[in-house]
Amino acid sequence: MALLQRNFWIFLVFILLGAFLGSILGEILGIVAPEGPLRNIFLKAFKIGIDPAFTLNIRIITFTIGFTFSINLMSILGMIIGVYLYKQS
């Protein structure tokens, strides 16, 4: 059971690192690419999450929760490459 949990966390790290590196690469390519549809493809991101953040104020404690995932084409490709690399290792 511990081996299965360890593999899950390693798998998750591969996916998150792939998404992170792909997102960075997409931003760089979006800046370098000339104006046009190719640039729009790299810079277009879908935002998923809680925006604006949820706030609960009960006078003595203020609790705020919120997150947003911003996923673009290159981050999806990075996740796919991360899964591929995980399967190869």
N, C-alpha and C. Protein backbone atom coordinates (compact mmCIF):
# COMPACT_ATOMS: atom_id res chain seq x y z
N MET A 1 0.82 -1.20 0.00
CA MET A 1 0.00 0.00 0.00
C MET A 1 0.87 1.27 0.00
N ALA A 2 1.98 1.26 0.76
CA ALA A 2 2.86 2.42 0.81
C ALA A 2 3.50 2.68 -0.55
N LEU A 3 3.81 1.60 -1.28
CA LEU A 3 4.40 1.77 -2.61
C LEU A 3 3.40 2.44 -3.55
N LEU A 4 2.14 2.07 -3.45
CA LEU A 4 1.11 2.68 -4.29
C LEU A 4 0.96 4.16 -3.98
N GLN A 5 0.99 4.55 -2.71
CA GLN A 5 0.88 5.96 -2.33
C GLN A 5 2.11 6.73 -2.80
N ARG A 6 3.28 6.12 -2.69
CA ARG A 6 4.51 6.78 -3.12
C ARG A 6 4.47 7.02 -4.62
N ASN A 7 4.02 6.03 -5.37
CA ASN A 7 3.93 6.20 -6.81
C ASN A 7 2.92 7.28 -7.19
N PHE A 8 1.84 7.38 -6.46
CA PHE A 8 0.86 8.42 -6.75
C PHE A 8 1.47 9.80 -6.57
N TRP A 9 2.22 10.01 -5.48
CA TRP A 9 2.81 11.32 -5.22
C TRP A 9 3.88 11.66 -6.25
N ILE A 10 4.66 10.68 -6.65
CA ILE A 10 5.66 10.91 -7.69
C ILE A 10 4.96 11.25 -9.01
N PHE A 11 3.89 10.53 -9.32
CA PHE A 11 3.10 10.80 -10.52
C PHE A 11 2.55 12.23 -10.48
N LEU A 12 2.03 12.65 -9.36
CA LEU A 12 1.49 13.99 -9.21
C LEU A 12 2.59 15.05 -9.38
N VAL A 13 3.78 14.79 -8.86
CA VAL A 13 4.89 15.72 -9.02
C VAL A 13 5.27 15.84 -10.49
N PHE A 14 5.32 14.73 -11.22
CA PHE A 14 5.63 14.77 -12.65
C PHE A 14 4.60 15.62 -13.40
N ILE A 15 3.33 15.44 -13.09
CA ILE A 15 2.28 16.20 -13.77
C ILE A 15 2.39 17.69 -13.44
N LEU A 16 2.58 18.02 -12.17
CA LEU A 16 2.66 19.43 -11.77
C LEU A 16 3.90 20.12 -12.33
N LEU A 17 5.03 19.41 -12.32
CA LEU A 17 6.24 20.00 -12.91
C LEU A 17 6.09 20.18 -14.41
N GLY A 18 5.47 19.22 -15.07
CA GLY A 18 5.22 19.35 -16.50
C GLY A 18 4.33 20.53 -16.80
N ALA A 19 3.27 20.71 -16.01
CA ALA A 19 2.36 21.83 -16.21
C ALA A 19 3.07 23.15 -15.96
N PHE A 20 3.88 23.20 -14.92
CA PHE A 20 4.61 24.43 -14.57
C PHE A 20 5.59 24.82 -15.66
N LEU A 21 6.41 23.85 -16.09
CA LEU A 21 7.40 24.14 -17.12
C LEU A 21 6.73 24.45 -18.46
N GLY A 22 5.66 23.75 -18.77
CA GLY A 22 4.92 24.05 -20.00
C GLY A 22 4.31 25.43 -19.98
N SER A 23 3.79 25.84 -18.83
CA SER A 23 3.21 27.18 -18.70
C SER A 23 4.26 28.26 -18.90
N ILE A 24 5.43 28.06 -18.31
CA ILE A 24 6.52 29.02 -18.49
C ILE A 24 6.94 29.08 -19.96
N LEU A 25 7.08 27.92 -20.58
CA LEU A 25 7.46 27.89 -22.00
C LEU A 25 6.39 28.56 -22.86
N GLY A 26 5.13 28.35 -22.54
CA GLY A 26 4.04 29.01 -23.28
C GLY A 26 4.10 30.51 -23.16
N GLU A 27 4.40 31.02 -21.97
CA GLU A 27 4.52 32.47 -21.78
C GLU A 27 5.69 33.02 -22.58
N ILE A 28 6.81 32.30 -22.57
CA ILE A 28 7.99 32.76 -23.33
C ILE A 28 7.68 32.76 -24.82
N LEU A 29 7.07 31.68 -25.32
CA LEU A 29 6.73 31.62 -26.74
C LEU A 29 5.69 32.67 -27.11
N GLY A 30 4.80 32.98 -26.21
CA GLY A 30 3.81 34.02 -26.46
C GLY A 30 4.43 35.40 -26.57
N ILE A 31 5.48 35.64 -25.83
CA ILE A 31 6.18 36.93 -25.89
C ILE A 31 7.02 37.02 -27.16
N VAL A 32 7.67 35.91 -27.52
CA VAL A 32 8.57 35.90 -28.67
C VAL A 32 7.81 35.85 -29.99
N ALA A 33 6.67 35.18 -30.02
CA ALA A 33 5.91 35.00 -31.27
C ALA A 33 5.38 36.33 -31.77
N PRO A 34 5.35 36.50 -33.09
CA PRO A 34 4.79 37.74 -33.64
C PRO A 34 3.28 37.80 -33.44
N GLU A 35 2.73 39.00 -33.53
CA GLU A 35 1.29 39.20 -33.36
C GLU A 35 0.53 38.36 -34.39
N GLY A 36 -0.48 37.66 -33.92
CA GLY A 36 -1.28 36.84 -34.82
C GLY A 36 -1.93 35.69 -34.08
N PRO A 37 -2.49 34.75 -34.83
CA PRO A 37 -3.21 33.63 -34.20
C PRO A 37 -2.30 32.71 -33.38
N LEU A 38 -1.06 32.53 -33.82
CA LEU A 38 -0.14 31.66 -33.08
C LEU A 38 0.12 32.22 -31.69
N ARG A 39 0.32 33.51 -31.60
CA ARG A 39 0.56 34.15 -30.31
C ARG A 39 -0.67 34.03 -29.41
N ASN A 40 -1.86 34.20 -30.00
CA ASN A 40 -3.09 34.09 -29.23
C ASN A 40 -3.27 32.68 -28.67
N ILE A 41 -2.86 31.67 -29.44
CA ILE A 41 -2.97 30.29 -28.96
C ILE A 41 -2.09 30.08 -27.74
N PHE A 42 -0.87 30.62 -27.77
CA PHE A 42 0.04 30.43 -26.64
C PHE A 42 -0.36 31.25 -25.42
N LEU A 43 -0.94 32.42 -25.62
CA LEU A 43 -1.27 33.28 -24.50
C LEU A 43 -2.66 33.04 -23.93
N LYS A 44 -3.53 32.36 -24.66
CA LYS A 44 -4.88 32.09 -24.18
C LYS A 44 -4.83 31.08 -23.05
N ALA A 45 -5.37 31.46 -21.90
CA ALA A 45 -5.37 30.57 -20.73
C ALA A 45 -6.78 30.47 -20.18
N PHE A 46 -7.11 29.30 -19.70
CA PHE A 46 -8.40 29.08 -19.07
C PHE A 46 -8.20 29.10 -17.57
N LYS A 47 -8.98 29.91 -16.89
CA LYS A 47 -8.86 30.04 -15.44
C LYS A 47 -9.98 29.25 -14.78
N ILE A 48 -9.58 28.36 -13.88
CA ILE A 48 -10.51 27.51 -13.15
C ILE A 48 -10.24 27.71 -11.66
N GLY A 49 -11.27 27.99 -10.87
CA GLY A 49 -11.06 28.11 -9.44
C GLY A 49 -12.07 29.03 -8.77
N ILE A 50 -11.72 29.45 -7.57
CA ILE A 50 -12.56 30.33 -6.78
C ILE A 50 -11.99 31.74 -6.91
N ASP A 51 -12.68 32.57 -7.67
CA ASP A 51 -12.23 33.93 -7.87
C ASP A 51 -13.45 34.83 -7.90
N PRO A 52 -13.66 35.73 -7.01
CA PRO A 52 -12.79 36.17 -5.91
C PRO A 52 -12.78 35.16 -4.76
N ALA A 53 -11.82 35.33 -3.90
CA ALA A 53 -11.64 34.41 -2.77
C ALA A 53 -12.83 34.49 -1.81
N PHE A 54 -13.14 33.36 -1.19
CA PHE A 54 -14.21 33.27 -0.20
C PHE A 54 -13.66 33.70 1.16
N THR A 55 -14.33 34.63 1.83
CA THR A 55 -13.88 35.13 3.13
C THR A 55 -14.99 34.95 4.16
N LEU A 56 -14.59 34.38 5.30
CA LEU A 56 -15.50 34.22 6.44
C LEU A 56 -14.91 35.00 7.60
N ASN A 57 -15.63 36.04 8.04
CA ASN A 57 -15.17 36.90 9.12
C ASN A 57 -16.07 36.69 10.33
N ILE A 58 -15.49 36.15 11.42
CA ILE A 58 -16.27 35.94 12.65
C ILE A 58 -15.69 36.76 13.80
N ARG A 59 -15.32 37.96 13.51
CA ARG A 59 -14.81 38.97 14.44
C ARG A 59 -13.41 38.68 14.98
N ILE A 60 -13.16 37.50 15.53
CA ILE A 60 -11.84 37.24 16.09
C ILE A 60 -10.92 36.53 15.09
N ILE A 61 -11.50 35.91 14.11
CA ILE A 61 -10.72 35.20 13.09
C ILE A 61 -11.34 35.51 11.73
N THR A 62 -10.48 35.78 10.79
CA THR A 62 -10.91 35.92 9.40
C THR A 62 -10.31 34.77 8.62
N PHE A 63 -11.15 33.99 7.98
CA PHE A 63 -10.72 32.82 7.23
C PHE A 63 -10.96 33.09 5.76
N THR A 64 -9.91 33.02 4.95
CA THR A 64 -10.01 33.28 3.52
C THR A 64 -9.48 32.07 2.76
N ILE A 65 -10.24 31.64 1.78
CA ILE A 65 -9.81 30.53 0.94
C ILE A 65 -10.08 30.90 -0.51
N GLY A 66 -9.14 30.59 -1.37
CA GLY A 66 -9.30 30.85 -2.79
C GLY A 66 -8.13 30.29 -3.56
N PHE A 67 -8.39 29.86 -4.76
CA PHE A 67 -7.34 29.36 -5.63
C PHE A 67 -7.80 29.50 -7.07
N THR A 68 -6.84 29.58 -7.97
CA THR A 68 -7.15 29.66 -9.38
C THR A 68 -6.08 28.89 -10.14
N PHE A 69 -6.51 28.00 -11.01
CA PHE A 69 -5.61 27.32 -11.92
C PHE A 69 -5.71 28.03 -13.26
N SER A 70 -4.58 28.36 -13.83
CA SER A 70 -4.53 28.99 -15.14
C SER A 70 -3.82 28.02 -16.07
N ILE A 71 -4.58 27.43 -16.98
CA ILE A 71 -4.05 26.38 -17.84
C ILE A 71 -4.07 26.86 -19.29
N ASN A 72 -2.91 26.78 -19.95
CA ASN A 72 -2.84 27.10 -21.37
C ASN A 72 -2.42 25.86 -22.16
N LEU A 73 -2.30 25.99 -23.45
CA LEU A 73 -1.99 24.86 -24.31
C LEU A 73 -0.66 24.21 -23.94
N MET A 74 0.35 25.00 -23.67
CA MET A 74 1.67 24.45 -23.36
C MET A 74 1.68 23.74 -22.00
N SER A 75 0.88 24.19 -21.05
CA SER A 75 0.83 23.48 -19.77
C SER A 75 0.17 22.11 -19.94
N ILE A 76 -0.81 22.01 -20.83
CA ILE A 76 -1.42 20.71 -21.10
C ILE A 76 -0.42 19.79 -21.77
N LEU A 77 0.34 20.33 -22.74
CA LEU A 77 1.38 19.53 -23.37
C LEU A 77 2.46 19.13 -22.36
N GLY A 78 2.79 20.01 -21.44
CA GLY A 78 3.75 19.69 -20.39
C GLY A 78 3.26 18.57 -19.48
N MET A 79 1.96 18.57 -19.17
CA MET A 79 1.40 17.49 -18.36
C MET A 79 1.46 16.16 -19.10
N ILE A 80 1.18 16.19 -20.40
CA ILE A 80 1.25 14.96 -21.20
C ILE A 80 2.69 14.44 -21.24
N ILE A 81 3.66 15.32 -21.41
CA ILE A 81 5.06 14.91 -21.40
C ILE A 81 5.45 14.40 -20.02
N GLY A 82 4.92 15.01 -18.95
CA GLY A 82 5.20 14.52 -17.59
C GLY A 82 4.67 13.12 -17.38
N VAL A 83 3.47 12.83 -17.88
CA VAL A 83 2.91 11.47 -17.77
C VAL A 83 3.77 10.49 -18.57
N TYR A 84 4.19 10.90 -19.76
CA TYR A 84 5.04 10.04 -20.60
C TYR A 84 6.36 9.74 -19.89
N LEU A 85 6.99 10.76 -19.32
CA LEU A 85 8.26 10.55 -18.62
C LEU A 85 8.08 9.68 -17.39
N TYR A 86 6.95 9.82 -16.70
CA TYR A 86 6.68 8.97 -15.54
C TYR A 86 6.55 7.51 -15.97
N LYS A 87 5.86 7.28 -17.07
CA LYS A 87 5.70 5.91 -17.56
C LYS A 87 7.03 5.31 -18.02
N GLN A 88 7.94 6.15 -18.50
CA GLN A 88 9.24 5.65 -18.95
C GLN A 88 10.19 5.34 -17.80
N SER A 89 9.98 5.96 -16.66
CA SER A 89 10.90 5.73 -15.53
C SER A 89 10.52 4.53 -14.71
